[in-house]
C-alpha atoms as a PDB file:
ATOM      1  CA  MET A   1      -9.179  16.859 -20.372  1.00  0.00           C
ATOM      2  CA  SER A   2      -7.206  13.770 -21.234  1.00  0.00           C
ATOM      3  CA  LYS A   3      -4.706  12.343 -18.803  1.00  0.00           C
ATOM      4  CA  PRO A   4      -0.979  12.265 -19.595  1.00  0.00           C
ATOM      5  CA  LEU A   5       0.515   8.936 -20.648  1.00  0.00           C
ATOM      6  CA  ALA A   6       2.598   6.815 -18.293  1.00  0.00           C
ATOM      7  CA  LEU A   7       4.400   3.631 -19.279  1.00  0.00           C
ATOM      8  CA  VAL A   8       4.956   0.986 -16.615  1.00  0.00           C
ATOM      9  CA  VAL A   9       7.830  -1.270 -17.678  1.00  0.00           C
ATOM     10  CA  GLU A  10       8.080  -4.058 -15.098  1.00  0.00           C
ATOM     11  CA  ASP A  11       8.370  -7.801 -15.733  1.00  0.00           C
ATOM     12  CA  ASP A  12       6.917  -8.909 -12.385  1.00  0.00           C
ATOM     13  CA  PRO A  13       3.152  -9.200 -13.089  1.00  0.00           C
ATOM     14  CA  LEU A  14       2.086  -8.261  -9.552  1.00  0.00           C
ATOM     15  CA  GLN A  15       4.419  -5.238  -9.351  1.00  0.00           C
ATOM     16  CA  ASN A  16       3.307  -4.184 -12.829  1.00  0.00           C
ATOM     17  CA  GLN A  17      -0.333  -4.280 -11.744  1.00  0.00           C
ATOM     18  CA  ILE A  18       0.349  -2.473  -8.434  1.00  0.00           C
ATOM     19  CA  PHE A  19       2.250   0.334 -10.208  1.00  0.00           C
ATOM     20  CA  ALA A  20      -0.498   0.693 -12.818  1.00  0.00           C
ATOM     21  CA  LEU A  21      -3.223   0.842 -10.151  1.00  0.00           C
ATOM     22  CA  ALA A  22      -1.261   3.431  -8.166  1.00  0.00           C
ATOM     23  CA  LEU A  23      -1.090   5.725 -11.206  1.00  0.00           C
ATOM     24  CA  LYS A  24      -4.414   5.130 -12.972  1.00  0.00           C
ATOM     25  CA  ASP A  25      -6.259   8.076 -11.408  1.00  0.00           C
ATOM     26  CA  SER A  26      -3.762  10.591 -12.781  1.00  0.00           C
ATOM     27  CA  PHE A  27      -2.373   8.933 -15.900  1.00  0.00           C
ATOM     28  CA  GLU A  28      -3.385   6.960 -18.948  1.00  0.00           C
ATOM     29  CA  ILE A  29      -1.440   3.729 -18.336  1.00  0.00           C
ATOM     30  CA  GLU A  30       0.247   1.310 -20.720  1.00  0.00           C
ATOM     31  CA  THR A  31       2.094  -1.645 -19.210  1.00  0.00           C
ATOM     32  CA  PHE A  32       4.979  -3.694 -20.566  1.00  0.00           C
ATOM     33  CA  ALA A  33       6.756  -6.748 -19.179  1.00  0.00           C
ATOM     34  CA  ASP A  34       9.540  -6.654 -21.770  1.00  0.00           C
ATOM     35  CA  GLY A  35      12.054  -3.893 -22.454  1.00  0.00           C
ATOM     36  CA  SER A  36      12.086  -4.402 -26.228  1.00  0.00           C
ATOM     37  CA  HIS A  37       8.276  -4.028 -26.376  1.00  0.00           C
ATOM     38  CA  ALA A  38       8.578  -0.779 -24.418  1.00  0.00           C
ATOM     39  CA  ILE A  39      11.258   0.506 -26.823  1.00  0.00           C
ATOM     40  CA  ALA A  40       9.014  -0.357 -29.789  1.00  0.00           C
ATOM     41  CA  ARG A  41       6.146   1.598 -28.190  1.00  0.00           C
ATOM     42  CA  LEU A  42       8.422   4.553 -27.457  1.00  0.00           C
ATOM     43  CA  ALA A  43       8.937   4.867 -31.207  1.00  0.00           C
ATOM     44  CA  GLU A  44       5.212   5.750 -31.397  1.00  0.00           C
ATOM     45  CA  VAL A  45       4.437   7.744 -28.234  1.00  0.00           C
ATOM     46  CA  THR A  46       5.997  10.361 -25.955  1.00  0.00           C
ATOM     47  CA  PRO A  47       4.942   9.560 -22.388  1.00  0.00           C
ATOM     48  CA  LYS A  48       5.004  12.065 -19.554  1.00  0.00           C
ATOM     49  CA  LEU A  49       6.235   9.392 -17.127  1.00  0.00           C
ATOM     50  CA  VAL A  50       7.995   6.027 -17.316  1.00  0.00           C
ATOM     51  CA  ILE A  51       8.190   3.654 -14.348  1.00  0.00           C
ATOM     52  CA  LEU A  52      11.137   1.461 -15.258  1.00  0.00           C
ATOM     53  CA  ASP A  53      12.512  -1.754 -13.797  1.00  0.00           C
ATOM     54  CA  ILE A  54      16.192  -2.389 -14.541  1.00  0.00           C
ATOM     55  CA  ASN A  55      16.210  -6.169 -14.991  1.00  0.00           C
ATOM     56  CA  LEU A  56      13.896  -6.888 -17.905  1.00  0.00           C
ATOM     57  CA  PRO A  57      13.669  -9.514 -20.633  1.00  0.00           C
ATOM     58  CA  GLY A  58      14.171  -8.351 -24.214  1.00  0.00           C
ATOM     59  CA  ALA A  59      16.048  -5.144 -23.468  1.00  0.00           C
ATOM     60  CA  SER A  60      17.304  -3.999 -20.072  1.00  0.00           C
ATOM     61  CA  GLY A  61      15.984  -0.990 -18.222  1.00  0.00           C
ATOM     62  CA  ALA A  62      19.337   0.681 -18.909  1.00  0.00           C
ATOM     63  CA  GLN A  63      18.746   0.227 -22.663  1.00  0.00           C
ATOM     64  CA  VAL A  64      15.207   1.643 -22.403  1.00  0.00           C
ATOM     65  CA  LEU A  65      16.560   4.593 -20.401  1.00  0.00           C
ATOM     66  CA  GLU A  66      19.232   5.202 -23.043  1.00  0.00           C
ATOM     67  CA  VAL A  67      16.549   5.435 -25.761  1.00  0.00           C
ATOM     68  CA  ILE A  68      14.587   7.957 -23.675  1.00  0.00           C
ATOM     69  CA  ARG A  69      17.612  10.115 -22.815  1.00  0.00           C
ATOM     70  CA  LYS A  70      19.089  10.360 -26.303  1.00  0.00           C
ATOM     71  CA  GLU A  71      15.981  11.617 -28.136  1.00  0.00           C
ATOM     72  CA  LYS A  72      15.045  15.291 -27.822  1.00  0.00           C
ATOM     73  CA  ARG A  73      11.297  14.615 -27.912  1.00  0.00           C
ATOM     74  CA  PHE A  74      11.581  12.891 -24.524  1.00  0.00           C
ATOM     75  CA  HIS A  75      13.147  15.915 -22.796  1.00  0.00           C
ATOM     76  CA  THR A  76      10.027  16.353 -20.625  1.00  0.00           C
ATOM     77  CA  THR A  77       9.572  12.618 -19.981  1.00  0.00           C
ATOM     78  CA  ARG A  78      10.249  11.788 -16.337  1.00  0.00           C
ATOM     79  CA  VAL A  79      11.719   8.393 -15.434  1.00  0.00           C
ATOM     80  CA  ILE A  80      11.301   6.656 -12.091  1.00  0.00           C
ATOM     81  CA  LEU A  81      13.660   3.692 -11.792  1.00  0.00           C
ATOM     82  CA  ALA A  82      12.174   0.880  -9.727  1.00  0.00           C
ATOM     83  CA  THR A  83      14.699  -1.735  -8.681  1.00  0.00           C
ATOM     84  CA  ALA A  84      15.727  -4.041  -5.874  1.00  0.00           C
ATOM     85  CA  ASN A  85      19.397  -3.719  -6.830  1.00  0.00           C
ATOM     86  CA  SER A  86      20.935  -0.658  -5.189  1.00  0.00           C
ATOM     87  CA  GLN A  87      24.264  -1.028  -7.050  1.00  0.00           C
ATOM     88  CA  GLU A  88      22.580  -0.984 -10.459  1.00  0.00           C
ATOM     89  CA  ALA A  89      20.398   1.895  -9.304  1.00  0.00           C
ATOM     90  CA  GLU A  90      23.472   3.901  -8.342  1.00  0.00           C
ATOM     91  CA  PHE A  91      24.947   3.321 -11.800  1.00  0.00           C
ATOM     92  CA  LEU A  92      21.817   4.749 -13.482  1.00  0.00           C
ATOM     93  CA  ARG A  93      20.885   7.408 -10.903  1.00  0.00           C
ATOM     94  CA  GLU A  94      22.127  10.373 -12.950  1.00  0.00           C
ATOM     95  CA  LYS A  95      20.131   9.353 -16.030  1.00  0.00           C
ATOM     96  CA  SER A  96      16.863   8.896 -14.139  1.00  0.00           C
ATOM     97  CA  ASP A  97      14.756  11.452 -12.288  1.00  0.00           C
ATOM     98  CA  ILE A  98      14.151   9.346  -9.187  1.00  0.00           C
ATOM     99  CA  VAL A  99      15.367   5.929  -8.067  1.00  0.00           C
ATOM    100  CA  LEU A 100      13.044   3.943  -5.819  1.00  0.00           C
ATOM    101  CA  LEU A 101      14.267   0.736  -4.212  1.00  0.00           C
ATOM    102  CA  LYS A 102      11.805  -2.143  -4.045  1.00  0.00           C
ATOM    103  CA  PRO A 103       9.588  -2.842  -2.248  1.00  0.00           C
ATOM    104  CA  ILE A 104       7.900   0.395  -3.295  1.00  0.00           C
ATOM    105  CA  SER A 105       4.798   1.678  -1.587  1.00  0.00           C
ATOM    106  CA  PRO A 106       2.007   2.431  -4.098  1.00  0.00           C
ATOM    107  CA  ILE A 107       1.251   5.602  -2.113  1.00  0.00           C
ATOM    108  CA  GLN A 108       4.889   6.742  -2.349  1.00  0.00           C
ATOM    109  CA  LEU A 109       4.919   6.012  -6.088  1.00  0.00           C
ATOM    110  CA  ARG A 110       1.679   7.968  -6.610  1.00  0.00           C
ATOM    111  CA  GLU A 111       3.060  10.968  -4.682  1.00  0.00           C
ATOM    112  CA  PHE A 112       6.282  11.081  -6.709  1.00  0.00           C
ATOM    113  CA  ALA A 113       4.350  10.683  -9.963  1.00  0.00           C
ATOM    114  CA  GLU A 114       1.971  13.513  -9.025  1.00  0.00           C
ATOM    115  CA  ARG A 115       4.900  15.843  -8.324  1.00  0.00           C
ATOM    116  CA  MET A 116       6.501  14.984 -11.661  1.00  0.00           C
ATOM    117  CA  LYS A 117       3.254  15.536 -13.554  1.00  0.00           C
ATOM    118  CA  ALA A 118       3.055  19.181 -12.463  1.00  0.00           C
END
């Protein structure tokens, strides 16, 4: 059985790698360091899960989230916002499924992702 797709959209290379490693046992992972690249990929795929930083080059996390929330085909896509900025997180809380404030434990991320996969 193939694993569901998860997109990790995080411009910090180390965080990006940590998030991908935390999820790789349960998900097929694609990583992006740029919001506009993630939006381009979303035109082609419907992921089960998106781990999304807010402050990104290209297009912001808020713009990526807007793309996901306005298209019907993403209605089962779960979004975990990953940010260090609690004010921005509060602004986007209602549009995301979970907001995690950095630093994020890989174990915590894996547990939330597992629950959302079910």
